[in-house]
């Protein structure tokens, strides 16, 4: 399975925020949407960064509570790893594990086309294993 297949199942919705919006706004959006990351976009809609709950918690833990009133651009990750619709789920798992990240924006033709989370990949793997298990059980039963 590849990224395009996952996006077909889950949809291409991707929560975004601009770099000049406040961290407090990001916190509110994350809570309202029950998600772990927002893609930061510029005026043209291009990916400028990503801000995750980890970024926010790390800054708060370091005593930077004043950052809540500051811009997202101050705490976002600027060097964003991305994936493409043709990437395999194995490539996603490898990239996420190697880079210790949980969210990968999807770029298609240079534009933001969705986001894949580690949860999406785990759901896919579980479904794949269950499908293989059912096929094996059917094979054994019909002997």
N, C-alpha and C. Protein backbone atom coordinates (compact mmCIF):
# COMPACT_ATOMS: atom_id res chain seq x y z
N UNK A 1 0.85 -1.17 0.00
CA UNK A 1 0.00 0.00 0.00
C UNK A 1 0.90 1.23 0.00
N UNK A 2 0.36 2.30 -0.55
CA UNK A 2 1.15 3.54 -0.59
C UNK A 2 0.36 4.70 0.03
N UNK A 3 0.97 5.86 0.05
CA UNK A 3 0.37 7.04 0.65
C UNK A 3 -0.96 7.38 -0.02
N UNK A 4 -1.02 7.27 -1.34
CA UNK A 4 -2.26 7.58 -2.06
C UNK A 4 -3.41 6.71 -1.57
N UNK A 5 -3.14 5.44 -1.29
CA UNK A 5 -4.17 4.53 -0.79
C UNK A 5 -4.67 4.94 0.59
N UNK A 6 -3.75 5.33 1.45
CA UNK A 6 -4.14 5.79 2.79
C UNK A 6 -4.98 7.06 2.68
N UNK A 7 -4.54 8.00 1.84
CA UNK A 7 -5.29 9.25 1.67
C UNK A 7 -6.68 8.99 1.10
N UNK A 8 -6.79 8.00 0.23
CA UNK A 8 -8.10 7.67 -0.34
C UNK A 8 -9.05 7.20 0.76
N UNK A 9 -8.52 6.45 1.71
CA UNK A 9 -9.33 5.94 2.82
C UNK A 9 -9.65 7.02 3.85
N UNK A 10 -8.66 7.81 4.22
CA UNK A 10 -8.85 8.77 5.31
C UNK A 10 -9.24 10.17 4.85
N UNK A 11 -8.98 10.47 3.59
CA UNK A 11 -9.26 11.81 3.09
C UNK A 11 -8.01 12.67 3.08
N UNK A 12 -8.12 13.79 2.40
CA UNK A 12 -6.96 14.68 2.23
C UNK A 12 -7.02 15.91 3.13
N UNK A 13 -7.97 15.93 4.05
CA UNK A 13 -8.06 17.07 4.96
C UNK A 13 -6.76 17.21 5.73
N UNK A 14 -6.30 18.44 5.84
CA UNK A 14 -5.06 18.71 6.55
C UNK A 14 -5.22 20.05 7.26
N UNK A 15 -5.16 20.03 8.57
CA UNK A 15 -5.30 21.26 9.35
C UNK A 15 -4.04 22.10 9.19
N UNK A 16 -4.26 23.37 8.90
CA UNK A 16 -3.13 24.29 8.70
C UNK A 16 -3.28 25.52 9.59
N UNK A 17 -2.17 26.19 9.75
CA UNK A 17 -2.11 27.44 10.50
C UNK A 17 -1.03 28.29 9.84
N UNK A 18 -1.08 29.58 10.02
CA UNK A 18 -0.02 30.44 9.49
C UNK A 18 0.99 30.72 10.59
N UNK A 19 2.18 31.07 10.19
CA UNK A 19 3.25 31.32 11.14
C UNK A 19 3.02 32.50 12.04
N UNK A 20 2.16 33.44 11.63
CA UNK A 20 1.92 34.61 12.47
C UNK A 20 0.75 34.43 13.44
N UNK A 21 0.03 33.31 13.33
CA UNK A 21 -1.00 33.03 14.33
C UNK A 21 -0.31 32.62 15.63
N UNK A 22 -1.01 32.77 16.75
CA UNK A 22 -0.37 32.52 18.04
C UNK A 22 -0.32 31.03 18.37
N UNK A 23 0.61 30.72 19.24
CA UNK A 23 0.72 29.35 19.74
C UNK A 23 -0.57 28.97 20.46
N UNK A 24 -1.17 29.92 21.16
CA UNK A 24 -2.45 29.65 21.83
C UNK A 24 -3.51 29.23 20.82
N UNK A 25 -3.54 29.88 19.65
CA UNK A 25 -4.48 29.48 18.60
C UNK A 25 -4.18 28.06 18.13
N UNK A 26 -2.90 27.73 18.03
CA UNK A 26 -2.51 26.38 17.62
C UNK A 26 -2.99 25.36 18.65
N UNK A 27 -2.81 25.67 19.93
CA UNK A 27 -3.26 24.77 21.00
C UNK A 27 -4.77 24.55 20.88
N UNK A 28 -5.51 25.61 20.67
CA UNK A 28 -6.96 25.51 20.55
C UNK A 28 -7.35 24.63 19.35
N UNK A 29 -6.69 24.84 18.22
CA UNK A 29 -7.00 24.05 17.03
C UNK A 29 -6.68 22.58 17.23
N UNK A 30 -5.53 22.30 17.84
CA UNK A 30 -5.15 20.91 18.10
C UNK A 30 -6.19 20.23 18.99
N UNK A 31 -6.63 20.94 20.03
CA UNK A 31 -7.62 20.37 20.95
C UNK A 31 -8.97 20.19 20.27
N UNK A 32 -9.43 21.20 19.54
CA UNK A 32 -10.73 21.13 18.87
C UNK A 32 -10.79 20.01 17.84
N UNK A 33 -9.70 19.81 17.12
CA UNK A 33 -9.68 18.82 16.05
C UNK A 33 -9.17 17.45 16.53
N UNK A 34 -8.71 17.41 17.79
CA UNK A 34 -8.17 16.18 18.37
C UNK A 34 -7.06 15.59 17.50
N UNK A 35 -6.11 16.44 17.17
CA UNK A 35 -4.98 16.05 16.32
C UNK A 35 -3.67 16.42 17.02
N UNK A 36 -2.56 15.95 16.47
CA UNK A 36 -1.27 16.16 17.11
C UNK A 36 -0.35 17.14 16.42
N UNK A 37 -0.74 17.62 15.22
CA UNK A 37 0.15 18.54 14.50
C UNK A 37 -0.64 19.39 13.52
N UNK A 38 -0.10 20.55 13.25
CA UNK A 38 -0.65 21.47 12.24
C UNK A 38 0.46 21.79 11.25
N UNK A 39 0.12 21.78 9.99
CA UNK A 39 1.09 22.21 8.98
C UNK A 39 1.04 23.73 8.93
N UNK A 40 2.20 24.36 9.02
CA UNK A 40 2.29 25.82 8.94
C UNK A 40 2.48 26.18 7.48
N UNK A 41 1.60 27.05 6.99
CA UNK A 41 1.66 27.45 5.58
C UNK A 41 1.91 28.95 5.46
N UNK A 42 2.50 29.32 4.32
CA UNK A 42 2.71 30.74 4.04
C UNK A 42 1.50 31.29 3.28
N UNK A 43 1.60 32.53 2.85
CA UNK A 43 0.48 33.19 2.16
C UNK A 43 0.06 32.47 0.89
N UNK A 44 0.99 31.80 0.24
CA UNK A 44 0.70 31.08 -1.01
C UNK A 44 0.17 29.67 -0.76
N UNK A 45 0.11 29.27 0.52
CA UNK A 45 -0.35 27.93 0.85
C UNK A 45 0.75 26.88 0.81
N UNK A 46 1.99 27.34 0.65
CA UNK A 46 3.13 26.41 0.63
C UNK A 46 3.54 26.07 2.06
N UNK A 47 4.13 24.90 2.22
CA UNK A 47 4.56 24.46 3.55
C UNK A 47 5.73 25.31 4.03
N UNK A 48 5.54 25.93 5.20
CA UNK A 48 6.60 26.74 5.81
C UNK A 48 7.18 26.04 7.03
N UNK A 49 6.43 25.09 7.58
CA UNK A 49 6.88 24.38 8.77
C UNK A 49 5.79 23.46 9.27
N UNK A 50 6.02 22.91 10.44
CA UNK A 50 5.02 22.08 11.12
C UNK A 50 5.15 22.36 12.60
N UNK A 51 4.04 22.40 13.29
CA UNK A 51 4.05 22.58 14.74
C UNK A 51 3.25 21.43 15.35
N UNK A 52 3.88 20.77 16.30
CA UNK A 52 3.25 19.61 16.92
C UNK A 52 3.04 19.84 18.40
N UNK A 53 2.24 18.97 18.99
CA UNK A 53 2.04 19.06 20.43
C UNK A 53 3.38 18.90 21.16
N UNK A 54 4.29 18.12 20.60
CA UNK A 54 5.63 17.97 21.19
C UNK A 54 6.36 19.30 21.23
N UNK A 55 6.29 20.07 20.13
CA UNK A 55 6.95 21.38 20.08
C UNK A 55 6.42 22.28 21.19
N UNK A 56 5.11 22.28 21.35
CA UNK A 56 4.48 23.15 22.34
C UNK A 56 4.86 22.72 23.75
N UNK A 57 4.73 21.43 24.04
CA UNK A 57 5.04 20.93 25.38
C UNK A 57 6.51 21.15 25.72
N UNK A 58 7.40 20.92 24.78
CA UNK A 58 8.83 21.12 25.04
C UNK A 58 9.12 22.56 25.43
N UNK A 59 8.50 23.51 24.75
CA UNK A 59 8.72 24.91 25.07
C UNK A 59 8.10 25.28 26.42
N UNK A 60 6.93 24.74 26.72
CA UNK A 60 6.31 25.01 28.02
C UNK A 60 7.14 24.39 29.15
N UNK A 61 7.65 23.20 28.93
CA UNK A 61 8.45 22.51 29.94
C UNK A 61 9.74 23.26 30.24
N UNK A 62 10.23 24.00 29.28
CA UNK A 62 11.46 24.78 29.47
C UNK A 62 11.18 26.16 30.04
N UNK A 63 9.96 26.35 30.55
CA UNK A 63 9.63 27.61 31.20
C UNK A 63 9.30 28.75 30.27
N UNK A 64 8.86 28.43 29.07
CA UNK A 64 8.57 29.46 28.09
C UNK A 64 7.06 29.66 27.90
N UNK A 65 6.32 29.78 28.99
CA UNK A 65 4.87 29.93 28.92
C UNK A 65 4.47 31.19 28.14
N UNK A 66 5.35 32.19 28.12
CA UNK A 66 5.04 33.42 27.39
C UNK A 66 4.91 33.17 25.89
N UNK A 67 5.43 32.06 25.41
CA UNK A 67 5.34 31.74 23.99
C UNK A 67 3.91 31.49 23.53
N UNK A 68 3.01 31.20 24.46
CA UNK A 68 1.62 30.98 24.08
C UNK A 68 1.05 32.19 23.35
N UNK A 69 1.48 33.37 23.74
CA UNK A 69 1.00 34.59 23.09
C UNK A 69 1.81 34.95 21.85
N UNK A 70 2.90 34.24 21.63
CA UNK A 70 3.76 34.53 20.49
C UNK A 70 3.36 33.78 19.24
N UNK A 71 4.03 34.07 18.14
CA UNK A 71 3.68 33.44 16.87
C UNK A 71 4.16 31.99 16.79
N UNK A 72 3.41 31.20 16.06
CA UNK A 72 3.75 29.80 15.82
C UNK A 72 5.14 29.69 15.18
N UNK A 73 5.49 30.67 14.36
CA UNK A 73 6.78 30.62 13.66
C UNK A 73 7.96 30.54 14.62
N UNK A 74 7.76 30.98 15.86
CA UNK A 74 8.84 30.96 16.83
C UNK A 74 9.17 29.54 17.30
N UNK A 75 8.19 28.64 17.29
CA UNK A 75 8.44 27.29 17.81
C UNK A 75 8.30 26.18 16.76
N UNK A 76 7.87 26.52 15.56
CA UNK A 76 7.63 25.48 14.55
C UNK A 76 8.93 24.85 14.08
N UNK A 77 8.82 23.65 13.56
CA UNK A 77 9.94 22.98 12.91
C UNK A 77 9.96 23.46 11.47
N UNK A 78 11.08 24.02 11.05
CA UNK A 78 11.17 24.60 9.70
C UNK A 78 11.59 23.59 8.63
N UNK A 79 12.44 22.67 9.00
CA UNK A 79 12.90 21.66 8.05
C UNK A 79 11.94 20.48 8.12
N UNK A 80 10.93 20.52 7.29
CA UNK A 80 9.84 19.55 7.36
C UNK A 80 10.11 18.37 6.44
N UNK A 81 10.06 17.18 7.00
CA UNK A 81 10.09 15.97 6.19
C UNK A 81 8.72 15.83 5.56
N UNK A 82 8.68 15.47 4.29
CA UNK A 82 7.41 15.26 3.61
C UNK A 82 7.44 13.92 2.89
N UNK A 83 6.29 13.52 2.40
CA UNK A 83 6.21 12.31 1.59
C UNK A 83 5.37 12.63 0.36
N UNK A 84 5.33 11.70 -0.58
CA UNK A 84 4.54 11.89 -1.79
C UNK A 84 3.52 10.75 -1.89
N UNK A 85 2.47 10.93 -2.68
CA UNK A 85 1.44 9.90 -2.81
C UNK A 85 1.99 8.54 -3.26
N UNK A 86 3.09 8.54 -3.98
CA UNK A 86 3.64 7.27 -4.48
C UNK A 86 4.52 6.55 -3.46
N UNK A 87 4.87 7.20 -2.35
CA UNK A 87 5.71 6.56 -1.35
C UNK A 87 4.99 5.37 -0.72
N UNK A 88 5.74 4.32 -0.45
CA UNK A 88 5.16 3.12 0.17
C UNK A 88 5.00 3.33 1.67
N UNK A 89 4.14 2.53 2.27
CA UNK A 89 3.98 2.62 3.72
C UNK A 89 5.26 2.17 4.42
N UNK A 90 6.01 1.29 3.80
CA UNK A 90 7.29 0.89 4.38
C UNK A 90 8.25 2.07 4.44
N UNK A 91 8.24 2.88 3.38
CA UNK A 91 9.08 4.09 3.38
C UNK A 91 8.63 5.05 4.48
N UNK A 92 7.31 5.18 4.67
CA UNK A 92 6.79 6.06 5.73
C UNK A 92 7.26 5.58 7.10
N UNK A 93 7.08 4.29 7.36
CA UNK A 93 7.48 3.74 8.66
C UNK A 93 8.97 3.96 8.91
N UNK A 94 9.77 3.74 7.89
CA UNK A 94 11.20 3.93 8.01
C UNK A 94 11.54 5.39 8.31
N UNK A 95 10.95 6.31 7.55
CA UNK A 95 11.22 7.74 7.74
C UNK A 95 10.77 8.21 9.12
N UNK A 96 9.58 7.80 9.54
CA UNK A 96 9.06 8.22 10.84
C UNK A 96 9.93 7.68 11.97
N UNK A 97 10.35 6.43 11.86
CA UNK A 97 11.18 5.82 12.89
C UNK A 97 12.56 6.46 12.92
N UNK A 98 13.18 6.60 11.77
CA UNK A 98 14.52 7.16 11.66
C UNK A 98 14.56 8.61 12.16
N UNK A 99 13.55 9.39 11.82
CA UNK A 99 13.53 10.81 12.16
C UNK A 99 12.82 11.11 13.47
N UNK A 100 12.21 10.08 14.08
CA UNK A 100 11.48 10.23 15.34
C UNK A 100 10.38 11.28 15.21
N UNK A 101 9.59 11.14 14.15
CA UNK A 101 8.47 12.05 13.91
C UNK A 101 7.18 11.24 13.79
N UNK A 102 6.06 11.91 14.01
CA UNK A 102 4.77 11.22 13.98
C UNK A 102 3.84 11.73 12.89
N UNK A 103 4.25 12.76 12.17
CA UNK A 103 3.39 13.35 11.14
C UNK A 103 4.22 13.71 9.91
N UNK A 104 3.71 13.32 8.74
CA UNK A 104 4.39 13.66 7.48
C UNK A 104 3.39 14.33 6.55
N UNK A 105 3.59 15.61 6.26
CA UNK A 105 2.76 16.24 5.24
C UNK A 105 3.00 15.56 3.89
N UNK A 106 1.95 15.49 3.10
CA UNK A 106 2.04 14.90 1.76
C UNK A 106 2.11 16.03 0.76
N UNK A 107 3.12 15.98 -0.12
CA UNK A 107 3.24 16.97 -1.19
C UNK A 107 2.99 16.29 -2.52
N UNK A 108 2.15 16.93 -3.32
CA UNK A 108 1.87 16.44 -4.66
C UNK A 108 1.97 17.61 -5.61
N UNK A 109 2.81 17.48 -6.62
CA UNK A 109 3.07 18.57 -7.56
C UNK A 109 3.49 19.84 -6.83
N UNK A 110 4.29 19.67 -5.77
CA UNK A 110 4.82 20.80 -5.02
C UNK A 110 3.86 21.45 -4.05
N UNK A 111 2.64 20.93 -3.94
CA UNK A 111 1.63 21.53 -3.06
C UNK A 111 1.22 20.56 -1.95
N UNK A 112 0.76 21.11 -0.85
CA UNK A 112 0.25 20.32 0.26
C UNK A 112 -0.98 19.54 -0.19
N UNK A 113 -0.95 18.21 0.01
CA UNK A 113 -2.05 17.36 -0.47
C UNK A 113 -2.63 16.49 0.63
N UNK A 114 -2.22 16.70 1.87
CA UNK A 114 -2.72 15.91 2.99
C UNK A 114 -1.64 15.72 4.03
N UNK A 115 -1.94 14.88 5.00
CA UNK A 115 -0.97 14.57 6.05
C UNK A 115 -1.20 13.13 6.49
N UNK A 116 -0.11 12.45 6.78
CA UNK A 116 -0.17 11.07 7.26
C UNK A 116 0.43 11.05 8.66
N UNK A 117 -0.30 10.45 9.60
CA UNK A 117 0.20 10.32 10.96
C UNK A 117 0.64 8.89 11.22
N UNK A 118 1.40 8.71 12.27
CA UNK A 118 1.81 7.36 12.65
C UNK A 118 0.58 6.51 12.93
N UNK A 119 -0.48 7.12 13.46
CA UNK A 119 -1.73 6.40 13.70
C UNK A 119 -2.34 5.87 12.41
N UNK A 120 -2.26 6.66 11.35
CA UNK A 120 -2.77 6.21 10.05
C UNK A 120 -2.00 4.98 9.57
N UNK A 121 -0.68 5.01 9.75
CA UNK A 121 0.16 3.90 9.31
C UNK A 121 -0.14 2.66 10.15
N UNK A 122 -0.30 2.83 11.46
CA UNK A 122 -0.61 1.69 12.33
C UNK A 122 -1.96 1.08 11.95
N UNK A 123 -2.97 1.91 11.70
CA UNK A 123 -4.28 1.40 11.27
C UNK A 123 -4.16 0.59 9.99
N UNK A 124 -3.37 1.09 9.04
CA UNK A 124 -3.16 0.37 7.79
C UNK A 124 -2.51 -0.98 8.05
N UNK A 125 -1.47 -1.00 8.90
CA UNK A 125 -0.76 -2.25 9.19
C UNK A 125 -1.68 -3.26 9.86
N UNK A 126 -2.49 -2.81 10.80
CA UNK A 126 -3.43 -3.72 11.48
C UNK A 126 -4.41 -4.30 10.47
N UNK A 127 -4.96 -3.46 9.61
CA UNK A 127 -5.91 -3.94 8.59
C UNK A 127 -5.24 -4.94 7.66
N UNK A 128 -4.00 -4.67 7.29
CA UNK A 128 -3.27 -5.58 6.41
C UNK A 128 -3.04 -6.94 7.09
N UNK A 129 -2.63 -6.92 8.34
CA UNK A 129 -2.38 -8.16 9.08
C UNK A 129 -3.68 -8.94 9.27
N UNK A 130 -4.77 -8.24 9.60
CA UNK A 130 -6.05 -8.92 9.76
C UNK A 130 -6.51 -9.55 8.46
N UNK A 131 -6.30 -8.86 7.35
CA UNK A 131 -6.69 -9.39 6.05
C UNK A 131 -5.88 -10.64 5.71
N UNK A 132 -4.59 -10.60 5.95
CA UNK A 132 -3.74 -11.77 5.69
C UNK A 132 -4.14 -12.94 6.59
N UNK A 133 -4.43 -12.63 7.84
CA UNK A 133 -4.84 -13.66 8.79
C UNK A 133 -6.14 -14.32 8.33
N UNK A 134 -7.10 -13.52 7.90
CA UNK A 134 -8.38 -14.07 7.41
C UNK A 134 -8.16 -14.94 6.18
N UNK A 135 -7.28 -14.51 5.29
CA UNK A 135 -7.00 -15.30 4.08
C UNK A 135 -6.34 -16.63 4.44
N UNK A 136 -5.42 -16.61 5.39
CA UNK A 136 -4.77 -17.84 5.82
C UNK A 136 -5.76 -18.79 6.50
N UNK A 137 -6.64 -18.23 7.33
CA UNK A 137 -7.65 -19.06 7.99
C UNK A 137 -8.59 -19.69 6.97
N UNK A 138 -8.97 -18.93 5.97
CA UNK A 138 -9.82 -19.45 4.90
C UNK A 138 -9.10 -20.56 4.14
N UNK A 139 -7.85 -20.35 3.86
CA UNK A 139 -7.05 -21.34 3.14
C UNK A 139 -6.95 -22.64 3.94
N UNK A 140 -6.68 -22.51 5.23
CA UNK A 140 -6.56 -23.68 6.10
C UNK A 140 -7.90 -24.41 6.22
N UNK A 141 -8.97 -23.64 6.37
CA UNK A 141 -10.31 -24.23 6.54
C UNK A 141 -10.77 -25.00 5.31
N UNK A 142 -10.39 -24.52 4.14
CA UNK A 142 -10.82 -25.18 2.90
C UNK A 142 -9.81 -26.21 2.43
N UNK A 143 -8.71 -26.26 3.14
CA UNK A 143 -7.65 -27.21 3.01
C UNK A 143 -7.24 -27.70 1.73
